[in-house]
Amino acid sequence: VFSVFAVSMLLVCLIAAAGFAVVAHRRQRQLGLLAAV
């Protein structure tokens, strides 16, 4: 069961990566301001 969960977590991790990419783009200006200071 734990092995199945590990494979499922790989799938969820890929979906989460897309979500975090959206977060990174949404915070791009904030990150730019942080880098500017």
Full PDB file with SEQRES, HELIX, SHEET, SSBOND, CRYST1, ORIGX, SCALE, CONECT and MASTER records, all heavy atoms in Angstrom:
SEQRES   1 A   37  VAL PHE SER VAL PHE ALA VAL SER MET LEU LEU VAL CYS          
SEQRES   2 A   37  LEU ILE ALA ALA ALA GLY PHE ALA VAL VAL ALA HIS ARG          
SEQRES   3 A   37  ARG GLN ARG GLN LEU GLY LEU LEU ALA ALA VAL                  
HELIX    1 AA1 PHE A    2  ARG A   26  1                                  25    
HELIX    2 AA2 GLN A   28  ALA A   36  1                                   9    
CRYST1    1.000    1.000    1.000  90.00  90.00  90.00 P 1           1          
ORIGX1      1.000000  0.000000  0.000000        0.00000                         
ORIGX2      0.000000  1.000000  0.000000        0.00000                         
ORIGX3      0.000000  0.000000  1.000000        0.00000                         
SCALE1      1.000000  0.000000  0.000000        0.00000                         
SCALE2      0.000000  1.000000  0.000000        0.00000                         
SCALE3      0.000000  0.000000  1.000000        0.00000                         
ATOM      1  N   VAL A   1       0.837  -1.199   0.000  1.00  0.00           N  
ATOM      2  CA  VAL A   1       0.000   0.000   0.000  1.00  0.00           C  
ATOM      3  C   VAL A   1       0.873   1.251   0.000  1.00  0.00           C  
ATOM      4  O   VAL A   1       0.594   2.237  -0.692  1.00  0.00           O  
ATOM      5  CB  VAL A   1      -0.954  -0.007   1.207  1.00  0.00           C  
ATOM      6  CG1 VAL A   1      -1.737   1.291   1.299  1.00  0.00           C  
ATOM      7  CG2 VAL A   1      -1.901  -1.185   1.117  1.00  0.00           C  
ATOM      8  N   PHE A   2       1.955   1.216   0.785  1.00  0.00           N  
ATOM      9  CA  PHE A   2       2.847   2.380   0.846  1.00  0.00           C  
ATOM     10  C   PHE A   2       3.518   2.621  -0.502  1.00  0.00           C  
ATOM     11  O   PHE A   2       3.731   3.769  -0.897  1.00  0.00           O  
ATOM     12  CB  PHE A   2       3.896   2.161   1.928  1.00  0.00           C  
ATOM     13  CG  PHE A   2       4.777   3.361   2.160  1.00  0.00           C  
ATOM     14  CD1 PHE A   2       4.320   4.438   2.890  1.00  0.00           C  
ATOM     15  CD2 PHE A   2       6.060   3.402   1.645  1.00  0.00           C  
ATOM     16  CE1 PHE A   2       5.117   5.543   3.104  1.00  0.00           C  
ATOM     17  CE2 PHE A   2       6.869   4.493   1.852  1.00  0.00           C  
ATOM     18  CZ  PHE A   2       6.409   5.573   2.596  1.00  0.00           C  
ATOM     19  N   SER A   3       3.845   1.546  -1.233  1.00  0.00           N  
ATOM     20  CA  SER A   3       4.439   1.712  -2.561  1.00  0.00           C  
ATOM     21  C   SER A   3       3.457   2.350  -3.529  1.00  0.00           C  
ATOM     22  O   SER A   3       3.827   3.227  -4.318  1.00  0.00           O  
ATOM     23  CB  SER A   3       4.885   0.342  -3.093  1.00  0.00           C  
ATOM     24  OG  SER A   3       5.831  -0.251  -2.229  1.00  0.00           O  
ATOM     25  N   VAL A   4       2.195   1.923  -3.461  1.00  0.00           N  
ATOM     26  CA  VAL A   4       1.170   2.557  -4.298  1.00  0.00           C  
ATOM     27  C   VAL A   4       1.048   4.036  -3.953  1.00  0.00           C  
ATOM     28  O   VAL A   4       0.912   4.892  -4.833  1.00  0.00           O  
ATOM     29  CB  VAL A   4      -0.178   1.833  -4.127  1.00  0.00           C  
ATOM     30  CG1 VAL A   4      -1.289   2.579  -4.859  1.00  0.00           C  
ATOM     31  CG2 VAL A   4      -0.076   0.412  -4.646  1.00  0.00           C  
ATOM     32  N   PHE A   5       1.115   4.353  -2.645  1.00  0.00           N  
ATOM     33  CA  PHE A   5       1.048   5.758  -2.235  1.00  0.00           C  
ATOM     34  C   PHE A   5       2.231   6.541  -2.787  1.00  0.00           C  
ATOM     35  O   PHE A   5       2.073   7.706  -3.198  1.00  0.00           O  
ATOM     36  CB  PHE A   5       1.024   5.847  -0.712  1.00  0.00           C  
ATOM     37  CG  PHE A   5       1.287   7.236  -0.187  1.00  0.00           C  
ATOM     38  CD1 PHE A   5       0.334   8.228  -0.303  1.00  0.00           C  
ATOM     39  CD2 PHE A   5       2.501   7.547   0.409  1.00  0.00           C  
ATOM     40  CE1 PHE A   5       0.579   9.503   0.170  1.00  0.00           C  
ATOM     41  CE2 PHE A   5       2.758   8.817   0.884  1.00  0.00           C  
ATOM     42  CZ  PHE A   5       1.789   9.794   0.764  1.00  0.00           C  
ATOM     43  N   ALA A   6       3.426   5.929  -2.795  1.00  0.00           N  
ATOM     44  CA  ALA A   6       4.603   6.633  -3.310  1.00  0.00           C  
ATOM     45  C   ALA A   6       4.428   6.972  -4.791  1.00  0.00           C  
ATOM     46  O   ALA A   6       4.750   8.079  -5.227  1.00  0.00           O  
ATOM     47  CB  ALA A   6       5.855   5.789  -3.094  1.00  0.00           C  
ATOM     48  N   VAL A   7       3.893   6.023  -5.585  1.00  0.00           N  
ATOM     49  CA  VAL A   7       3.647   6.292  -7.001  1.00  0.00           C  
ATOM     50  C   VAL A   7       2.560   7.354  -7.158  1.00  0.00           C  
ATOM     51  O   VAL A   7       2.667   8.270  -7.996  1.00  0.00           O  
ATOM     52  CB  VAL A   7       3.259   4.992  -7.737  1.00  0.00           C  
ATOM     53  CG1 VAL A   7       2.908   5.276  -9.186  1.00  0.00           C  
ATOM     54  CG2 VAL A   7       4.391   3.985  -7.658  1.00  0.00           C  
ATOM     55  N   SER A   8       1.500   7.261  -6.331  1.00  0.00           N  
ATOM     56  CA  SER A   8       0.447   8.272  -6.394  1.00  0.00           C  
ATOM     57  C   SER A   8       0.981   9.641  -6.014  1.00  0.00           C  
ATOM     58  O   SER A   8       0.579  10.658  -6.602  1.00  0.00           O  
ATOM     59  CB  SER A   8      -0.701   7.878  -5.454  1.00  0.00           C  
ATOM     60  OG  SER A   8      -1.212   6.602  -5.775  1.00  0.00           O  
ATOM     61  N   MET A   9       1.884   9.679  -5.035  1.00  0.00           N  
ATOM     62  CA  MET A   9       2.462  10.960  -4.633  1.00  0.00           C  
ATOM     63  C   MET A   9       3.310  11.560  -5.751  1.00  0.00           C  
ATOM     64  O   MET A   9       3.392  12.784  -5.882  1.00  0.00           O  
ATOM     65  CB  MET A   9       3.296  10.769  -3.372  1.00  0.00           C  
ATOM     66  CG  MET A   9       3.754  12.081  -2.734  1.00  0.00           C  
ATOM     67  SD  MET A   9       2.408  13.241  -2.408  1.00  0.00           S  
ATOM     68  CE  MET A   9       1.458  12.317  -1.224  1.00  0.00           C  
ATOM     69  N   LEU A  10       3.940  10.708  -6.573  1.00  0.00           N  
ATOM     70  CA  LEU A  10       4.653  11.221  -7.740  1.00  0.00           C  
ATOM     71  C   LEU A  10       3.696  11.943  -8.678  1.00  0.00           C  
ATOM     72  O   LEU A  10       3.996  13.036  -9.180  1.00  0.00           O  
ATOM     73  CB  LEU A  10       5.347  10.072  -8.479  1.00  0.00           C  
ATOM     74  CG  LEU A  10       5.983  10.413  -9.834  1.00  0.00           C  
ATOM     75  CD1 LEU A  10       7.101  11.435  -9.662  1.00  0.00           C  
ATOM     76  CD2 LEU A  10       6.493   9.157 -10.522  1.00  0.00           C  
ATOM     77  N   LEU A  11       2.515  11.358  -8.884  1.00  0.00           N  
ATOM     78  CA  LEU A  11       1.509  11.987  -9.737  1.00  0.00           C  
ATOM     79  C   LEU A  11       1.033  13.295  -9.128  1.00  0.00           C  
ATOM     80  O   LEU A  11       0.944  14.325  -9.816  1.00  0.00           O  
ATOM     81  CB  LEU A  11       0.343  11.024  -9.929  1.00  0.00           C  
ATOM     82  CG  LEU A  11      -0.841  11.519 -10.764  1.00  0.00           C  
ATOM     83  CD1 LEU A  11      -0.392  11.860 -12.172  1.00  0.00           C  
ATOM     84  CD2 LEU A  11      -1.932  10.468 -10.793  1.00  0.00           C  
ATOM     85  N   VAL A  12       0.723  13.284  -7.828  1.00  0.00           N  
ATOM     86  CA  VAL A  12       0.268  14.508  -7.169  1.00  0.00           C  
ATOM     87  C   VAL A  12       1.369  15.559  -7.176  1.00  0.00           C  
ATOM     88  O   VAL A  12       1.105  16.761  -7.313  1.00  0.00           O  
ATOM     89  CB  VAL A  12      -0.179  14.180  -5.730  1.00  0.00           C  
ATOM     90  CG1 VAL A  12      -0.532  15.452  -4.960  1.00  0.00           C  
ATOM     91  CG2 VAL A  12      -1.374  13.245  -5.746  1.00  0.00           C  
ATOM     92  N   CYS A  13       2.614  15.119  -7.046  1.00  0.00           N  
ATOM     93  CA  CYS A  13       3.751  16.051  -7.059  1.00  0.00           C  
ATOM     94  C   CYS A  13       3.836  16.772  -8.395  1.00  0.00           C  
ATOM     95  O   CYS A  13       4.122  17.978  -8.446  1.00  0.00           O  
ATOM     96  CB  CYS A  13       5.034  15.292  -6.756  1.00  0.00           C  
ATOM     97  SG  CYS A  13       6.507  16.314  -6.674  1.00  0.00           S  
ATOM     98  N   LEU A  14       3.577  16.052  -9.481  1.00  0.00           N  
ATOM     99  CA  LEU A  14       3.604  16.689 -10.797  1.00  0.00           C  
ATOM    100  C   LEU A  14       2.482  17.719 -10.939  1.00  0.00           C  
ATOM    101  O   LEU A  14       2.673  18.794 -11.509  1.00  0.00           O  
ATOM    102  CB  LEU A  14       3.488  15.625 -11.885  1.00  0.00           C  
ATOM    103  CG  LEU A  14       4.670  14.643 -11.981  1.00  0.00           C  
ATOM    104  CD1 LEU A  14       4.365  13.559 -12.996  1.00  0.00           C  
ATOM    105  CD2 LEU A  14       5.945  15.378 -12.360  1.00  0.00           C  
ATOM    106  N   ILE A  15       1.303  17.380 -10.409  1.00  0.00           N  
ATOM    107  CA  ILE A  15       0.209  18.348 -10.446  1.00  0.00           C  
ATOM    108  C   ILE A  15       0.555  19.555  -9.591  1.00  0.00           C  
ATOM    109  O   ILE A  15       0.307  20.712  -9.980  1.00  0.00           O  
ATOM    110  CB  ILE A  15      -1.098  17.693  -9.962  1.00  0.00           C  
ATOM    111  CG1 ILE A  15      -1.426  16.469 -10.805  1.00  0.00           C  
ATOM    112  CG2 ILE A  15      -2.253  18.679  -9.996  1.00  0.00           C  
ATOM    113  CD1 ILE A  15      -2.594  15.669 -10.296  1.00  0.00           C  
ATOM    114  N   ALA A  16       1.122  19.298  -8.411  1.00  0.00           N  
ATOM    115  CA  ALA A  16       1.494  20.398  -7.527  1.00  0.00           C  
ATOM    116  C   ALA A  16       2.553  21.283  -8.167  1.00  0.00           C  
ATOM    117  O   ALA A  16       2.558  22.508  -7.960  1.00  0.00           O  
ATOM    118  CB  ALA A  16       2.004  19.843  -6.198  1.00  0.00           C  
ATOM    119  N   ALA A  17       3.445  20.687  -8.965  1.00  0.00           N  
ATOM    120  CA  ALA A  17       4.466  21.490  -9.636  1.00  0.00           C  
ATOM    121  C   ALA A  17       3.832  22.510 -10.574  1.00  0.00           C  
ATOM    122  O   ALA A  17       4.290  23.659 -10.666  1.00  0.00           O  
ATOM    123  CB  ALA A  17       5.423  20.576 -10.405  1.00  0.00           C  
ATOM    124  N   ALA A  18       2.762  22.097 -11.266  1.00  0.00           N  
ATOM    125  CA  ALA A  18       2.053  23.057 -12.122  1.00  0.00           C  
ATOM    126  C   ALA A  18       1.435  24.170 -11.286  1.00  0.00           C  
ATOM    127  O   ALA A  18       1.460  25.346 -11.668  1.00  0.00           O  
ATOM    128  CB  ALA A  18       0.973  22.329 -12.920  1.00  0.00           C  
ATOM    129  N   GLY A  19       0.865  23.798 -10.127  1.00  0.00           N  
ATOM    130  CA  GLY A  19       0.284  24.813  -9.259  1.00  0.00           C  
ATOM    131  C   GLY A  19       1.330  25.763  -8.713  1.00  0.00           C  
ATOM    132  O   GLY A  19       1.108  26.985  -8.649  1.00  0.00           O  
ATOM    133  N   PHE A  20       2.489  25.245  -8.333  1.00  0.00           N  
ATOM    134  CA  PHE A  20       3.546  26.110  -7.811  1.00  0.00           C  
ATOM    135  C   PHE A  20       4.150  26.989  -8.906  1.00  0.00           C  
ATOM    136  O   PHE A  20       4.634  28.092  -8.623  1.00  0.00           O  
ATOM    137  CB  PHE A  20       4.623  25.270  -7.143  1.00  0.00           C  
ATOM    138  CG  PHE A  20       4.178  24.622  -5.863  1.00  0.00           C  
ATOM    139  CD1 PHE A  20       4.496  23.306  -5.582  1.00  0.00           C  
ATOM    140  CD2 PHE A  20       3.421  25.320  -4.942  1.00  0.00           C  
ATOM    141  CE1 PHE A  20       4.068  22.704  -4.421  1.00  0.00           C  
ATOM    142  CE2 PHE A  20       2.997  24.732  -3.766  1.00  0.00           C  
ATOM    143  CZ  PHE A  20       3.325  23.427  -3.502  1.00  0.00           C  
ATOM    144  N   ALA A  21       4.140  26.501 -10.139  1.00  0.00           N  
ATOM    145  CA  ALA A  21       4.585  27.351 -11.249  1.00  0.00           C  
ATOM    146  C   ALA A  21       3.654  28.543 -11.413  1.00  0.00           C  
ATOM    147  O   ALA A  21       4.097  29.670 -11.705  1.00  0.00           O  
ATOM    148  CB  ALA A  21       4.641  26.530 -12.535  1.00  0.00           C  
ATOM    149  N   VAL A  22       2.351  28.310 -11.219  1.00  0.00           N  
ATOM    150  CA  VAL A  22       1.392  29.416 -11.266  1.00  0.00           C  
ATOM    151  C   VAL A  22       1.658  30.395 -10.127  1.00  0.00           C  
ATOM    152  O   VAL A  22       1.605  31.619 -10.302  1.00  0.00           O  
ATOM    153  CB  VAL A  22      -0.046  28.874 -11.213  1.00  0.00           C  
ATOM    154  CG1 VAL A  22      -1.061  29.999 -11.052  1.00  0.00           C  
ATOM    155  CG2 VAL A  22      -0.353  28.067 -12.467  1.00  0.00           C  
ATOM    156  N   VAL A  23       1.942  29.844  -8.925  1.00  0.00           N  
ATOM    157  CA  VAL A  23       2.246  30.707  -7.780  1.00  0.00           C  
ATOM    158  C   VAL A  23       3.495  31.533  -8.054  1.00  0.00           C  
ATOM    159  O   VAL A  23       3.546  32.741  -7.743  1.00  0.00           O  
ATOM    160  CB  VAL A  23       2.433  29.845  -6.515  1.00  0.00           C  
ATOM    161  CG1 VAL A  23       2.952  30.695  -5.354  1.00  0.00           C  
ATOM    162  CG2 VAL A  23       1.123  29.196  -6.126  1.00  0.00           C  
ATOM    163  N   ALA A  24       4.511  30.905  -8.634  1.00  0.00           N  
ATOM    164  CA  ALA A  24       5.745  31.634  -8.945  1.00  0.00           C  
ATOM    165  C   ALA A  24       5.479  32.773  -9.920  1.00  0.00           C  
ATOM    166  O   ALA A  24       6.005  33.886  -9.758  1.00  0.00           O  
ATOM    167  CB  ALA A  24       6.777  30.668  -9.525  1.00  0.00           C  
ATOM    168  N   HIS A  25       4.650  32.531 -10.937  1.00  0.00           N  
ATOM    169  CA  HIS A  25       4.339  33.601 -11.891  1.00  0.00           C  
ATOM    170  C   HIS A  25       3.503  34.697 -11.227  1.00  0.00           C  
ATOM    171  O   HIS A  25       3.700  35.894 -11.498  1.00  0.00           O  
ATOM    172  CB  HIS A  25       3.591  33.026 -13.084  1.00  0.00           C  
ATOM    173  CG  HIS A  25       3.239  34.054 -14.115  1.00  0.00           C  
ATOM    174  ND1 HIS A  25       4.180  34.710 -14.873  1.00  0.00           N  
ATOM    175  CD2 HIS A  25       2.030  34.560 -14.508  1.00  0.00           C  
ATOM    176  CE1 HIS A  25       3.592  35.568 -15.689  1.00  0.00           C  
ATOM    177  NE2 HIS A  25       2.278  35.495 -15.480  1.00  0.00           N  
ATOM    178  N   ARG A  26       2.581  34.307 -10.341  1.00  0.00           N  
ATOM    179  CA  ARG A  26       1.738  35.292  -9.677  1.00  0.00           C  
ATOM    180  C   ARG A  26       2.568  36.178  -8.749  1.00  0.00           C  
ATOM    181  O   ARG A  26       2.250  37.352  -8.552  1.00  0.00           O  
ATOM    182  CB  ARG A  26       0.637  34.568  -8.898  1.00  0.00           C  
ATOM    183  CG  ARG A  26      -0.376  35.476  -8.241  1.00  0.00           C  
ATOM    184  CD  ARG A  26      -1.412  34.648  -7.508  1.00  0.00           C  
ATOM    185  NE  ARG A  26      -2.181  33.846  -8.447  1.00  0.00           N  
ATOM    186  CZ  ARG A  26      -2.560  32.593  -8.234  1.00  0.00           C  
ATOM    187  NH1 ARG A  26      -2.206  31.989  -7.114  1.00  0.00           N  
ATOM    188  NH2 ARG A  26      -3.267  31.942  -9.127  1.00  0.00           N  
ATOM    189  N   ARG A  27       3.602  35.622  -8.154  1.00  0.00           N  
ATOM    190  CA  ARG A  27       4.443  36.382  -7.229  1.00  0.00           C  
ATOM    191  C   ARG A  27       5.690  36.943  -7.906  1.00  0.00           C  
ATOM    192  O   ARG A  27       6.620  37.369  -7.224  1.00  0.00           O  
ATOM    193  CB  ARG A  27       4.869  35.489  -6.062  1.00  0.00           C  
ATOM    194  CG  ARG A  27       3.722  35.076  -5.173  1.00  0.00           C  
ATOM    195  CD  ARG A  27       4.209  34.249  -4.021  1.00  0.00           C  
ATOM    196  NE  ARG A  27       3.130  33.809  -3.156  1.00  0.00           N  
ATOM    197  CZ  ARG A  27       3.281  32.990  -2.143  1.00  0.00           C  
ATOM    198  NH1 ARG A  27       4.485  32.502  -1.857  1.00  0.00           N  
ATOM    199  NH2 ARG A  27       2.247  32.642  -1.394  1.00  0.00           N  
ATOM    200  N   GLN A  28       5.703  36.923  -9.219  1.00  0.00           N  
ATOM    201  CA  GLN A  28       6.912  37.349  -9.928  1.00  0.00           C  
ATOM    202  C   GLN A  28       7.283  38.786  -9.596  1.00  0.00           C  
ATOM    203  O   GLN A  28       8.457  39.094  -9.359  1.00  0.00           O  
ATOM    204  CB  GLN A  28       6.678  37.200 -11.436  1.00  0.00           C  
ATOM    205  CG  GLN A  28       7.903  37.515 -12.284  1.00  0.00           C  
ATOM    206  CD  GLN A  28       7.672  37.176 -13.745  1.00  0.00           C  
ATOM    207  OE1 GLN A  28       7.072  36.159 -14.053  1.00  0.00           O  
ATOM    208  NE2 GLN A  28       8.120  38.048 -14.629  1.00  0.00           N  
ATOM    209  N   ARG A  29       6.296  39.687  -9.559  1.00  0.00           N  
ATOM    210  CA  ARG A  29       6.600  41.087  -9.254  1.00  0.00           C  
ATOM    211  C   ARG A  29       7.075  41.228  -7.813  1.00  0.00           C  
ATOM    212  O   ARG A  29       8.006  41.998  -7.525  1.00  0.00           O  
ATOM    213  CB  ARG A  29       5.373  41.950  -9.502  1.00  0.00           C  
ATOM    214  CG  ARG A  29       5.596  43.431  -9.253  1.00  0.00           C  
ATOM    215  CD  ARG A  29       4.383  44.231  -9.669  1.00  0.00           C  
ATOM    216  NE  ARG A  29       4.225  44.189 -11.125  1.00  0.00           N  
ATOM    217  CZ  ARG A  29       3.153  44.633 -11.769  1.00  0.00           C  
ATOM    218  NH1 ARG A  29       2.126  45.123 -11.071  1.00  0.00           N  
ATOM    219  NH2 ARG A  29       3.085  44.587 -13.079  1.00  0.00           N  
ATOM    220  N   GLN A  30       6.463  40.510  -6.881  1.00  0.00           N  
ATOM    221  CA  GLN A  30       6.902  40.576  -5.490  1.00  0.00           C  
ATOM    222  C   GLN A  30       8.333  40.064  -5.343  1.00  0.00           C  
ATOM    223  O   GLN A  30       9.142  40.636  -4.608  1.00  0.00           O  
ATOM    224  CB  GLN A  30       5.957  39.753  -4.615  1.00  0.00           C  
ATOM    225  CG  GLN A  30       4.533  40.291  -4.586  1.00  0.00           C  
ATOM    226  CD  GLN A  30       3.575  39.317  -3.938  1.00  0.00           C  
ATOM    227  OE1 GLN A  30       3.755  38.109  -4.019  1.00  0.00           O  
ATOM    228  NE2 GLN A  30       2.531  39.853  -3.305  1.00  0.00           N  
ATOM    229  N   LEU A  31       8.644  38.975  -6.049  1.00  0.00           N  
ATOM    230  CA  LEU A  31      10.003  38.459  -6.010  1.00  0.00           C  
ATOM    231  C   LEU A  31      10.985  39.443  -6.629  1.00  0.00           C  
ATOM    232  O   LEU A  31      12.129  39.563  -6.175  1.00  0.00           O  
ATOM    233  CB  LEU A  31      10.066  37.106  -6.732  1.00  0.00           C  
ATOM    234  CG  LEU A  31       9.260  35.964  -6.092  1.00  0.00           C  
ATOM    235  CD1 LEU A  31       9.319  34.726  -6.957  1.00  0.00           C  
ATOM    236  CD2 LEU A  31       9.784  35.655  -4.697  1.00  0.00           C  
ATOM    237  N   GLY A  32      10.543  40.142  -7.688  1.00  0.00           N  
ATOM    238  CA  GLY A  32      11.396  41.163  -8.285  1.00  0.00           C  
ATOM    239  C   GLY A  32      11.688  42.287  -7.318  1.00  0.00           C  
ATOM    240  O   GLY A  32      12.829  42.775  -7.230  1.00  0.00           O  
ATOM    241  N   LEU A  33      10.668  42.739  -6.581  1.00  0.00           N  
ATOM    242  CA  LEU A  33      10.887  43.779  -5.573  1.00  0.00           C  
ATOM    243  C   LEU A  33      11.820  43.282  -4.477  1.00  0.00           C  
ATOM    244  O   LEU A  33      12.680  44.034  -3.991  1.00  0.00           O  
ATOM    245  CB  LEU A  33       9.541  44.198  -4.973  1.00  0.00           C  
ATOM    246  CG  LEU A  33       8.609  44.990  -5.889  1.00  0.00           C  
ATOM    247  CD1 LEU A  33       7.252  45.181  -5.228  1.00  0.00           C  
ATOM    248  CD2 LEU A  33       9.220  46.338  -6.232  1.00  0.00           C  
ATOM    249  N   LEU A  34      11.649  42.029  -4.070  1.00  0.00           N  
ATOM    250  CA  LEU A  34      12.520  41.465  -3.046  1.00  0.00           C  
ATOM    251  C   LEU A  34      13.963  41.407  -3.530  1.00  0.00           C  
ATOM    252  O   LEU A  34      14.899  41.709  -2.778  1.00  0.00           O  
ATOM    253  CB  LEU A  34      12.024  40.064  -2.681  1.00  0.00           C  
ATOM    254  CG  LEU A  34      12.576  39.441  -1.396  1.00  0.00           C  
ATOM    255  CD1 LEU A  34      12.169  40.257  -0.186  1.00  0.00           C  
ATOM    256  CD2 LEU A  34      12.097  38.004  -1.250  1.00  0.00           C  
ATOM    257  N   ALA A  35      14.146  41.033  -4.801  1.00  0.00           N  
ATOM    258  CA  ALA A  35      15.502  41.008  -5.353  1.00  0.00           C  
ATOM    259  C   ALA A  35      16.075  42.417  -5.488  1.00  0.00           C  
ATOM    260  O   ALA A  35      17.280  42.629  -5.324  1.00  0.00           O  
ATOM    261  CB  ALA A  35      15.494  40.310  -6.712  1.00  0.00           C  
ATOM    262  N   ALA A  36      15.205  43.389  -5.773  1.00  0.00           N  
ATOM    263  CA  ALA A  36      15.679  44.764  -5.945  1.00  0.00           C  
ATOM    264  C   ALA A  36      16.201  45.361  -4.644  1.00  0.00           C  
ATOM    265  O   ALA A  36      17.057  46.253  -4.672  1.00  0.00           O  
ATOM    266  CB  ALA A  36      14.543  45.637  -6.496  1.00  0.00           C  
ATOM    267  N   VAL A  37      15.713  44.878  -3.497  1.00  0.00           N  
ATOM    268  CA  VAL A  37      16.176  45.409  -2.211  1.00  0.00           C  
ATOM    269  C   VAL A  37      17.309  44.571  -1.624  1.00  0.00           C  
ATOM    270  O   VAL A  37      17.665  44.763  -0.462  1.00  0.00           O  
ATOM    271  CB  VAL A  37      15.015  45.504  -1.204  1.00  0.00           C  
ATOM    272  CG1 VAL A  37      13.965  46.475  -1.689  1.00  0.00           C  
ATOM    273  CG2 VAL A  37      14.397  44.137  -0.941  1.00  0.00           C  
TER     274      VAL A  37                                                      
MASTER        0    0    0    2    0    0    0    6  273    1    0    3          
END                                                                             
